[in-house]
Amino acid sequence: MNTPSTPPASAALTGRALAFHRRGKAILDGIDCAVFPGEVLGILGANGAGKSTLLALLAGDEIPASGEIALNGVALARLDQMARARQRAVLPQQATLAFALPVRDVVAMGAYPFPELSPAGLDVLVSQALHDAGIAHLAARAYPELSGGEQQRVQFARVLVQVRAGRQPGEARYLLLDEPTASLDPRFQHSLLQVASLLAEREHTGVIVVLHDVNLAARWCHRIALLAQGRLVASGPPADVLQGAALEQTYQLSCTVMPHPQQPSRPLVLFA
């Protein structure tokens, strides 16, 4: 994985001093985070740490109690839903679909914010996304007939279409993924994150991914934000963040951290 160069400050999705409350309880408090085109930011933490809430705030799907969010230098609150959808794509933990559409049609839904896209242009984007997600052989299948893992890969292909569609040269885009590997076997976990990493590095995209697997994050993320009880414990490169004290504070579990035997610059975490 290449180390991304730092882009201009305006080309970023940033959150500053973010707080969020639900039913009087503080879910997030004082969170600063940013993702830049060219990198993958992993958000890690125990259940209930506020990972999905932070992603929802950065996507504009939730409104912070306080703090500021900016998309390429513009306050997110000033952008309507369509303007946001043309700059960032979001893959939720669970995506439901009530109709028995063919997989290819579901993937093509990613282009809904881009009505100017030609049928030929859309066809190219859909074919590329099907290939990247490893589901070209499923293109004609009915979506409800697929396994949970296959459906997740279809939804990943859909957001790939969205984040690539109608793109102008040099335009920054953002892809937000909420536990995208949860229903996938190890092969497709790594495959999905490899595609996300290449999208970041080669296509001027900032990727934020919520993960539970610490070692997947260590392998594929350029930077990691570690959350515990709604607060930021540490943020930075995996080797700096995935340290014993920070991990034990986050997960309330003892661990051993060592260099990965195949990638010594990356940590390997073993929980007791």
C-alpha atoms as a PDB file:
ATOM      1  CA  MET A   1       0.000   0.000   0.000  1.00  0.00           C
ATOM      2  CA  ASN A   2       1.300   3.416  -0.928  1.00  0.00           C
ATOM      3  CA  THR A   3       1.407   6.273   1.557  1.00  0.00           C
ATOM      4  CA  PRO A   4      -0.923   8.978   0.256  1.00  0.00           C
ATOM      5  CA  SER A   5       0.355  12.486  -0.218  1.00  0.00           C
ATOM      6  CA  THR A   6      -1.416  15.224   1.738  1.00  0.00           C
ATOM      7  CA  PRO A   7      -3.925  17.023  -0.508  1.00  0.00           C
ATOM      8  CA  PRO A   8      -5.080  20.619  -0.122  1.00  0.00           C
ATOM      9  CA  ALA A   9      -6.952  21.198   3.146  1.00  0.00           C
ATOM     10  CA  SER A  10     -10.189  21.982   1.281  1.00  0.00           C
ATOM     11  CA  ALA A  11     -10.236  18.490  -0.282  1.00  0.00           C
ATOM     12  CA  ALA A  12     -11.399  16.543   2.760  1.00  0.00           C
ATOM     13  CA  LEU A  13     -14.365  15.320   4.736  1.00  0.00           C
ATOM     14  CA  THR A  14     -13.818  16.726   8.222  1.00  0.00           C
ATOM     15  CA  GLY A  15     -15.548  16.708  11.569  1.00  0.00           C
ATOM     16  CA  ARG A  16     -14.476  19.024  14.392  1.00  0.00           C
ATOM     17  CA  ALA A  17     -15.520  18.854  18.055  1.00  0.00           C
ATOM     18  CA  LEU A  18     -18.454  16.586  17.206  1.00  0.00           C
ATOM     19  CA  ALA A  19     -20.946  15.671  19.898  1.00  0.00           C
ATOM     20  CA  PHE A  20     -24.131  13.635  19.629  1.00  0.00           C
ATOM     21  CA  HIS A  21     -26.805  12.783  22.198  1.00  0.00           C
ATOM     22  CA  ARG A  22     -29.555  10.192  22.105  1.00  0.00           C
ATOM     23  CA  ARG A  23     -32.358  10.218  24.675  1.00  0.00           C
ATOM     24  CA  GLY A  24     -30.269  12.438  26.925  1.00  0.00           C
ATOM     25  CA  LYS A  25     -27.191  10.212  26.757  1.00  0.00           C
ATOM     26  CA  ALA A  26     -23.917  11.385  25.242  1.00  0.00           C
ATOM     27  CA  ILE A  27     -23.005   9.013  22.399  1.00  0.00           C
ATOM     28  CA  LEU A  28     -20.074  11.066  21.057  1.00  0.00           C
ATOM     29  CA  ASP A  29     -18.175  13.871  22.750  1.00  0.00           C
ATOM     30  CA  GLY A  30     -15.490  16.143  21.300  1.00  0.00           C
ATOM     31  CA  ILE A  31     -14.547  14.038  18.268  1.00  0.00           C
ATOM     32  CA  ASP A  32     -12.137  15.441  15.676  1.00  0.00           C
ATOM     33  CA  CYS A  33     -11.574  13.389  12.534  1.00  0.00           C
ATOM     34  CA  ALA A  34     -10.889  13.837   8.847  1.00  0.00           C
ATOM     35  CA  VAL A  35     -10.420  11.727   5.757  1.00  0.00           C
ATOM     36  CA  PHE A  36      -8.533  12.941   2.694  1.00  0.00           C
ATOM     37  CA  PRO A  37      -8.645  11.705  -0.899  1.00  0.00           C
ATOM     38  CA  GLY A  38      -6.061   8.985  -1.322  1.00  0.00           C
ATOM     39  CA  GLU A  39      -6.480   7.292   2.054  1.00  0.00           C
ATOM     40  CA  VAL A  40      -8.538   4.763   3.979  1.00  0.00           C
ATOM     41  CA  LEU A  41      -9.517   5.770   7.520  1.00  0.00           C
ATOM     42  CA  GLY A  42     -10.615   2.912   9.754  1.00  0.00           C
ATOM     43  CA  ILE A  43     -12.923   3.532  12.709  1.00  0.00           C
ATOM     44  CA  LEU A  44     -12.506   0.930  15.446  1.00  0.00           C
ATOM     45  CA  GLY A  45     -14.020   0.433  18.885  1.00  0.00           C
ATOM     46  CA  ALA A  46     -16.069  -1.883  21.044  1.00  0.00           C
ATOM     47  CA  ASN A  47     -19.831  -2.269  20.653  1.00  0.00           C
ATOM     48  CA  GLY A  48     -21.553   0.963  21.605  1.00  0.00           C
ATOM     49  CA  ALA A  49     -18.429   3.094  21.205  1.00  0.00           C
ATOM     50  CA  GLY A  50     -20.162   5.393  18.701  1.00  0.00           C
ATOM     51  CA  LYS A  51     -18.556   4.160  15.463  1.00  0.00           C
ATOM     52  CA  SER A  52     -21.705   3.976  13.332  1.00  0.00           C
ATOM     53  CA  THR A  53     -22.997   7.218  14.825  1.00  0.00           C
ATOM     54  CA  LEU A  54     -19.788   9.003  13.844  1.00  0.00           C
ATOM     55  CA  LEU A  55     -20.103   7.635  10.312  1.00  0.00           C
ATOM     56  CA  ALA A  56     -23.737   8.785  10.143  1.00  0.00           C
ATOM     57  CA  LEU A  57     -22.742  12.292  11.245  1.00  0.00           C
ATOM     58  CA  LEU A  58     -20.014  12.509   8.618  1.00  0.00           C
ATOM     59  CA  ALA A  59     -22.476  11.268   5.980  1.00  0.00           C
ATOM     60  CA  GLY A  60     -25.035  13.891   6.973  1.00  0.00           C
ATOM     61  CA  ASP A  61     -27.581  11.261   7.989  1.00  0.00           C
ATOM     62  CA  GLU A  62     -27.545  12.484  11.611  1.00  0.00           C
ATOM     63  CA  ILE A  63     -27.228  16.026  12.952  1.00  0.00           C
ATOM     64  CA  PRO A  64     -24.588  16.686  15.630  1.00  0.00           C
ATOM     65  CA  ALA A  65     -25.556  18.297  18.918  1.00  0.00           C
ATOM     66  CA  SER A  66     -22.482  20.475  18.453  1.00  0.00           C
ATOM     67  CA  GLY A  67     -19.452  20.675  16.218  1.00  0.00           C
ATOM     68  CA  GLU A  68     -18.859  21.250  12.521  1.00  0.00           C
ATOM     69  CA  ILE A  69     -18.715  18.963   9.481  1.00  0.00           C
ATOM     70  CA  ALA A  70     -17.341  20.111   6.136  1.00  0.00           C
ATOM     71  CA  LEU A  71     -17.265  18.405   2.759  1.00  0.00           C
ATOM     72  CA  ASN A  72     -14.511  19.769   0.526  1.00  0.00           C
ATOM     73  CA  GLY A  73     -14.488  23.017   2.457  1.00  0.00           C
ATOM     74  CA  VAL A  74     -18.279  23.524   2.444  1.00  0.00           C
ATOM     75  CA  ALA A  75     -20.398  23.095   5.582  1.00  0.00           C
ATOM     76  CA  LEU A  76     -22.276  19.821   5.179  1.00  0.00           C
ATOM     77  CA  ALA A  77     -25.442  21.426   6.530  1.00  0.00           C
ATOM     78  CA  ARG A  78     -25.486  23.780   3.525  1.00  0.00           C
ATOM     79  CA  LEU A  79     -25.643  20.902   1.035  1.00  0.00           C
ATOM     80  CA  ASP A  80     -28.968  19.291   0.173  1.00  0.00           C
ATOM     81  CA  GLN A  81     -29.392  15.532  -0.093  1.00  0.00           C
ATOM     82  CA  MET A  82     -28.705  15.416  -3.818  1.00  0.00           C
ATOM     83  CA  ALA A  83     -25.541  17.530  -3.540  1.00  0.00           C
ATOM     84  CA  ARG A  84     -24.248  15.183  -0.844  1.00  0.00           C
ATOM     85  CA  ALA A  85     -25.116  12.095  -2.878  1.00  0.00           C
ATOM     86  CA  ARG A  86     -23.087  13.427  -5.802  1.00  0.00           C
ATOM     87  CA  GLN A  87     -19.975  13.712  -3.621  1.00  0.00           C
ATOM     88  CA  ARG A  88     -20.185  10.825  -1.209  1.00  0.00           C
ATOM     89  CA  ALA A  89     -21.671   7.320  -1.146  1.00  0.00           C
ATOM     90  CA  VAL A  90     -22.710   5.434   1.987  1.00  0.00           C
ATOM     91  CA  LEU A  91     -22.965   1.687   2.525  1.00  0.00           C
ATOM     92  CA  PRO A  92     -25.021   1.032   5.698  1.00  0.00           C
ATOM     93  CA  GLN A  93     -24.766  -2.081   7.843  1.00  0.00           C
ATOM     94  CA  GLN A  94     -28.018  -3.404   6.401  1.00  0.00           C
ATOM     95  CA  ALA A  95     -29.498  -2.413   3.060  1.00  0.00           C
ATOM     96  CA  THR A  96     -33.027  -3.669   2.417  1.00  0.00           C
ATOM     97  CA  LEU A  97     -34.708  -4.109  -0.945  1.00  0.00           C
ATOM     98  CA  ALA A  98     -38.391  -4.969  -1.295  1.00  0.00           C
ATOM     99  CA  PHE A  99     -38.376  -5.863  -4.983  1.00  0.00           C
ATOM    100  CA  ALA A 100     -36.959  -8.937  -6.749  1.00  0.00           C
ATOM    101  CA  LEU A 101     -34.772  -6.932  -9.117  1.00  0.00           C
ATOM    102  CA  PRO A 102     -31.860  -8.429 -11.034  1.00  0.00           C
ATOM    103  CA  VAL A 103     -28.468  -7.771  -9.473  1.00  0.00           C
ATOM    104  CA  ARG A 104     -27.395  -5.595 -12.392  1.00  0.00           C
ATOM    105  CA  ASP A 105     -30.384  -3.286 -11.835  1.00  0.00           C
ATOM    106  CA  VAL A 106     -29.626  -3.003  -8.115  1.00  0.00           C
ATOM    107  CA  VAL A 107     -26.034  -2.027  -8.846  1.00  0.00           C
ATOM    108  CA  ALA A 108     -27.231   0.536 -11.403  1.00  0.00           C
ATOM    109  CA  MET A 109     -29.228   2.271  -8.651  1.00  0.00           C
ATOM    110  CA  GLY A 110     -25.945   3.808  -7.553  1.00  0.00           C
ATOM    111  CA  ALA A 111     -26.247   6.247 -10.436  1.00  0.00           C
ATOM    112  CA  TYR A 112     -29.536   7.802  -9.258  1.00  0.00           C
ATOM    113  CA  PRO A 113     -27.899  11.160  -8.323  1.00  0.00           C
ATOM    114  CA  PHE A 114     -26.551  11.453 -11.881  1.00  0.00           C
ATOM    115  CA  PRO A 115     -29.516  11.678 -14.285  1.00  0.00           C
ATOM    116  CA  GLU A 116     -27.226  13.150 -16.937  1.00  0.00           C
ATOM    117  CA  LEU A 117     -25.342   9.863 -17.249  1.00  0.00           C
ATOM    118  CA  SER A 118     -25.865   8.150 -20.615  1.00  0.00           C
ATOM    119  CA  PRO A 119     -27.079   4.524 -20.779  1.00  0.00           C
ATOM    120  CA  ALA A 120     -23.756   3.522 -22.338  1.00  0.00           C
ATOM    121  CA  GLY A 121     -21.807   5.321 -19.613  1.00  0.00           C
ATOM    122  CA  LEU A 122     -23.895   3.683 -16.908  1.00  0.00           C
ATOM    123  CA  ASP A 123     -23.377   0.262 -18.476  1.00  0.00           C
ATOM    124  CA  VAL A 124     -19.602   0.712 -18.301  1.00  0.00           C
ATOM    125  CA  LEU A 125     -19.743   1.771 -14.645  1.00  0.00           C
ATOM    126  CA  VAL A 126     -22.003  -1.133 -13.670  1.00  0.00           C
ATOM    127  CA  SER A 127     -19.826  -3.689 -15.453  1.00  0.00           C
ATOM    128  CA  GLN A 128     -16.714  -2.318 -13.748  1.00  0.00           C
ATOM    129  CA  ALA A 129     -18.381  -2.408 -10.313  1.00  0.00           C
ATOM    130  CA  LEU A 130     -19.662  -5.957 -10.817  1.00  0.00           C
ATOM    131  CA  HIS A 131     -16.128  -7.018 -11.719  1.00  0.00           C
ATOM    132  CA  ASP A 132     -14.522  -5.194  -8.797  1.00  0.00           C
ATOM    133  CA  ALA A 133     -16.974  -6.701  -6.319  1.00  0.00           C
ATOM    134  CA  GLY A 134     -16.447 -10.180  -7.761  1.00  0.00           C
ATOM    135  CA  ILE A 135     -20.100 -10.657  -8.673  1.00  0.00           C
ATOM    136  CA  ALA A 136     -20.184 -10.409 -12.470  1.00  0.00           C
ATOM    137  CA  HIS A 137     -21.447 -13.999 -12.580  1.00  0.00           C
ATOM    138  CA  LEU A 138     -24.472 -12.951 -10.483  1.00  0.00           C
ATOM    139  CA  ALA A 139     -25.574 -10.059 -12.727  1.00  0.00           C
ATOM    140  CA  ALA A 140     -28.778 -11.731 -13.939  1.00  0.00           C
ATOM    141  CA  ARG A 141     -29.761 -13.302 -10.602  1.00  0.00           C
ATOM    142  CA  ALA A 142     -32.657 -11.928  -8.568  1.00  0.00           C
ATOM    143  CA  TYR A 143     -31.318 -10.018  -5.576  1.00  0.00           C
ATOM    144  CA  PRO A 144     -33.511 -11.734  -2.891  1.00  0.00           C
ATOM    145  CA  GLU A 145     -32.240 -15.156  -3.999  1.00  0.00           C
ATOM    146  CA  LEU A 146     -28.670 -14.341  -2.961  1.00  0.00           C
ATOM    147  CA  SER A 147     -26.967 -15.169   0.313  1.00  0.00           C
ATOM    148  CA  GLY A 148     -26.345 -12.409   2.846  1.00  0.00           C
ATOM    149  CA  GLY A 149     -22.697 -12.151   1.846  1.00  0.00           C
ATOM    150  CA  GLU A 150     -23.571 -11.968  -1.847  1.00  0.00           C
ATOM    151  CA  GLN A 151     -26.131  -9.246  -1.180  1.00  0.00           C
ATOM    152  CA  GLN A 152     -23.497  -7.276   0.719  1.00  0.00           C
ATOM    153  CA  ARG A 153     -21.160  -7.448  -2.273  1.00  0.00           C
ATOM    154  CA  VAL A 154     -24.000  -6.280  -4.550  1.00  0.00           C
ATOM    155  CA  GLN A 155     -24.536  -3.272  -2.300  1.00  0.00           C
ATOM    156  CA  PHE A 156     -20.811  -2.581  -2.343  1.00  0.00           C
ATOM    157  CA  ALA A 157     -20.901  -2.598  -6.141  1.00  0.00           C
ATOM    158  CA  ARG A 158     -23.828  -0.164  -6.000  1.00  0.00           C
ATOM    159  CA  VAL A 159     -21.865   2.412  -3.982  1.00  0.00           C
ATOM    160  CA  LEU A 160     -18.859   1.928  -6.269  1.00  0.00           C
ATOM    161  CA  VAL A 161     -21.073   3.078  -9.141  1.00  0.00           C
ATOM    162  CA  GLN A 162     -22.253   6.065  -7.120  1.00  0.00           C
ATOM    163  CA  VAL A 163     -18.791   7.212  -6.082  1.00  0.00           C
ATOM    164  CA  ARG A 164     -17.468   6.961  -9.666  1.00  0.00           C
ATOM    165  CA  ALA A 165     -20.422   8.339 -11.636  1.00  0.00           C
ATOM    166  CA  GLY A 166     -20.290  11.751 -13.283  1.00  0.00           C
ATOM    167  CA  ARG A 167     -16.853  12.440 -11.947  1.00  0.00           C
ATOM    168  CA  GLN A 168     -14.875  15.411 -13.194  1.00  0.00           C
ATOM    169  CA  PRO A 169     -11.059  15.284 -13.520  1.00  0.00           C
ATOM    170  CA  GLY A 170      -9.447  15.867 -10.123  1.00  0.00           C
ATOM    171  CA  GLU A 171     -12.767  15.845  -8.273  1.00  0.00           C
ATOM    172  CA  ALA A 172     -12.595  14.438  -4.749  1.00  0.00           C
ATOM    173  CA  ARG A 173     -15.176  11.831  -3.747  1.00  0.00           C
ATOM    174  CA  TYR A 174     -15.806   9.941  -0.500  1.00  0.00           C
ATOM    175  CA  LEU A 175     -16.962   6.411   0.293  1.00  0.00           C
ATOM    176  CA  LEU A 176     -18.349   5.627   3.764  1.00  0.00           C
ATOM    177  CA  LEU A 177     -18.652   1.946   4.684  1.00  0.00           C
ATOM    178  CA  ASP A 178     -20.333   0.719   7.876  1.00  0.00           C
ATOM    179  CA  GLU A 179     -19.085  -2.771   8.790  1.00  0.00           C
ATOM    180  CA  PRO A 180     -18.964  -3.869   5.129  1.00  0.00           C
ATOM    181  CA  THR A 181     -17.147  -7.127   5.925  1.00  0.00           C
ATOM    182  CA  ALA A 182     -19.488  -8.392   8.649  1.00  0.00           C
ATOM    183  CA  SER A 183     -21.211 -11.043   6.502  1.00  0.00           C
ATOM    184  CA  LEU A 184     -18.230 -11.934   4.308  1.00  0.00           C
ATOM    185  CA  ASP A 185     -15.778 -14.814   4.526  1.00  0.00           C
ATOM    186  CA  PRO A 186     -12.052 -13.986   4.881  1.00  0.00           C
ATOM    187  CA  ARG A 187     -11.385 -14.070   1.135  1.00  0.00           C
ATOM    188  CA  PHE A 188     -14.034 -11.493   0.332  1.00  0.00           C
ATOM    189  CA  GLN A 189     -13.249  -9.395   3.404  1.00  0.00           C
ATOM    190  CA  HIS A 190      -9.753  -8.816   2.064  1.00  0.00           C
ATOM    191  CA  SER A 191     -10.999  -8.466  -1.504  1.00  0.00           C
ATOM    192  CA  LEU A 192     -13.501  -5.743  -0.596  1.00  0.00           C
ATOM    193  CA  LEU A 193     -10.975  -3.769   1.421  1.00  0.00           C
ATOM    194  CA  GLN A 194      -8.366  -4.127  -1.307  1.00  0.00           C
ATOM    195  CA  VAL A 195     -10.814  -2.609  -3.800  1.00  0.00           C
ATOM    196  CA  ALA A 196     -11.539   0.218  -1.339  1.00  0.00           C
ATOM    197  CA  SER A 197      -7.822   0.827  -0.881  1.00  0.00           C
ATOM    198  CA  LEU A 198      -7.169   0.929  -4.624  1.00  0.00           C
ATOM    199  CA  LEU A 199     -10.157   3.238  -5.092  1.00  0.00           C
ATOM    200  CA  ALA A 200      -8.625   5.613  -2.554  1.00  0.00           C
ATOM    201  CA  GLU A 201      -5.122   5.539  -3.984  1.00  0.00           C
ATOM    202  CA  ARG A 202      -5.928   5.557  -7.697  1.00  0.00           C
ATOM    203  CA  GLU A 203      -9.227   7.436  -7.957  1.00  0.00           C
ATOM    204  CA  HIS A 204      -8.843  10.458  -5.638  1.00  0.00           C
ATOM    205  CA  THR A 205     -11.265   9.056  -3.083  1.00  0.00           C
ATOM    206  CA  GLY A 206     -11.342   9.262   0.683  1.00  0.00           C
ATOM    207  CA  VAL A 207     -12.654   6.066   2.274  1.00  0.00           C
ATOM    208  CA  ILE A 208     -13.963   5.709   5.823  1.00  0.00           C
ATOM    209  CA  VAL A 209     -14.672   2.193   7.014  1.00  0.00           C
ATOM    210  CA  VAL A 210     -16.101   0.997  10.331  1.00  0.00           C
ATOM    211  CA  LEU A 211     -14.584  -2.348  11.275  1.00  0.00           C
ATOM    212  CA  HIS A 212     -14.580  -4.784  14.180  1.00  0.00           C
ATOM    213  CA  ASP A 213     -11.575  -6.799  13.000  1.00  0.00           C
ATOM    214  CA  VAL A 214      -8.493  -4.978  14.285  1.00  0.00           C
ATOM    215  CA  ASN A 215      -6.134  -6.915  12.047  1.00  0.00           C
ATOM    216  CA  LEU A 216      -8.142  -6.180   8.908  1.00  0.00           C
ATOM    217  CA  ALA A 217      -7.854  -2.505   9.789  1.00  0.00           C
ATOM    218  CA  ALA A 218      -4.125  -2.869  10.410  1.00  0.00           C
ATOM    219  CA  ARG A 219      -3.700  -4.459   6.993  1.00  0.00           C
ATOM    220  CA  TRP A 220      -5.768  -2.114   4.829  1.00  0.00           C
ATOM    221  CA  CYS A 221      -6.138   1.267   6.549  1.00  0.00           C
ATOM    222  CA  HIS A 222      -3.739   4.163   6.163  1.00  0.00           C
ATOM    223  CA  ARG A 223      -4.979   5.666   9.420  1.00  0.00           C
ATOM    224  CA  ILE A 224      -7.120   4.456  12.316  1.00  0.00           C
ATOM    225  CA  ALA A 225      -9.406   6.306  14.738  1.00  0.00           C
ATOM    226  CA  LEU A 226      -9.886   4.337  17.950  1.00  0.00           C
ATOM    227  CA  LEU A 227     -13.080   5.117  19.894  1.00  0.00           C
ATOM    228  CA  ALA A 228     -14.067   4.177  23.436  1.00  0.00           C
ATOM    229  CA  GLN A 229     -17.290   5.290  25.131  1.00  0.00           C
ATOM    230  CA  GLY A 230     -17.834   8.073  22.624  1.00  0.00           C
ATOM    231  CA  ARG A 231     -14.377   9.588  22.900  1.00  0.00           C
ATOM    232  CA  LEU A 232     -11.325   9.420  20.685  1.00  0.00           C
ATOM    233  CA  VAL A 233      -8.632   7.296  22.324  1.00  0.00           C
ATOM    234  CA  ALA A 234      -6.038   7.574  19.551  1.00  0.00           C
ATOM    235  CA  SER A 235      -5.765   8.502  15.885  1.00  0.00           C
ATOM    236  CA  GLY A 236      -2.976   7.956  13.388  1.00  0.00           C
ATOM    237  CA  PRO A 237      -1.146   5.248  11.422  1.00  0.00           C
ATOM    238  CA  PRO A 238      -1.942   1.661  12.485  1.00  0.00           C
ATOM    239  CA  ALA A 239       1.474   1.059  14.042  1.00  0.00           C
ATOM    240  CA  ASP A 240       1.038   4.145  16.243  1.00  0.00           C
ATOM    241  CA  VAL A 241      -2.574   3.554  17.264  1.00  0.00           C
ATOM    242  CA  LEU A 242      -2.677  -0.213  17.740  1.00  0.00           C
ATOM    243  CA  GLN A 243      -0.664  -0.254  20.936  1.00  0.00           C
ATOM    244  CA  GLY A 244      -1.356  -2.395  23.967  1.00  0.00           C
ATOM    245  CA  ALA A 245      -2.501   0.311  26.385  1.00  0.00           C
ATOM    246  CA  ALA A 246      -4.851   1.987  23.908  1.00  0.00           C
ATOM    247  CA  LEU A 247      -6.334  -1.336  22.786  1.00  0.00           C
ATOM    248  CA  GLU A 248      -6.869  -2.559  26.345  1.00  0.00           C
ATOM    249  CA  GLN A 249      -8.559   0.743  27.233  1.00  0.00           C
ATOM    250  CA  THR A 250     -10.805   0.393  24.189  1.00  0.00           C
ATOM    251  CA  TYR A 251     -11.755  -3.278  24.397  1.00  0.00           C
ATOM    252  CA  GLN A 252     -11.260  -4.032  28.107  1.00  0.00           C
ATOM    253  CA  LEU A 253      -9.237  -7.063  27.117  1.00  0.00           C
ATOM    254  CA  SER A 254      -5.543  -7.831  27.385  1.00  0.00           C
ATOM    255  CA  CYS A 255      -3.635  -8.194  24.130  1.00  0.00           C
ATOM    256  CA  THR A 256      -0.247  -8.754  22.560  1.00  0.00           C
ATOM    257  CA  VAL A 257       0.938  -6.600  19.669  1.00  0.00           C
ATOM    258  CA  MET A 258       3.745  -7.739  17.386  1.00  0.00           C
ATOM    259  CA  PRO A 259       4.992  -7.044  13.852  1.00  0.00           C
ATOM    260  CA  HIS A 260       3.031  -8.944  11.228  1.00  0.00           C
ATOM    261  CA  PRO A 261       5.204 -11.841   9.995  1.00  0.00           C
ATOM    262  CA  GLN A 262       4.466 -11.024   6.346  1.00  0.00           C
ATOM    263  CA  GLN A 263       4.330  -7.223   6.675  1.00  0.00           C
ATOM    264  CA  PRO A 264       6.658  -6.152   9.489  1.00  0.00           C
ATOM    265  CA  SER A 265       5.637  -2.498   9.171  1.00  0.00           C
ATOM    266  CA  ARG A 266       2.076  -3.479  10.105  1.00  0.00           C
ATOM    267  CA  PRO A 267       1.032  -4.638  13.596  1.00  0.00           C
ATOM    268  CA  LEU A 268      -0.592  -7.977  14.397  1.00  0.00           C
ATOM    269  CA  VAL A 269      -2.883  -7.936  17.429  1.00  0.00           C
ATOM    270  CA  LEU A 270      -3.622 -11.052  19.465  1.00  0.00           C
ATOM    271  CA  PHE A 271      -6.318 -10.722  22.115  1.00  0.00           C
ATOM    272  CA  ALA A 272      -6.149 -12.962  25.172  1.00  0.00           C
END
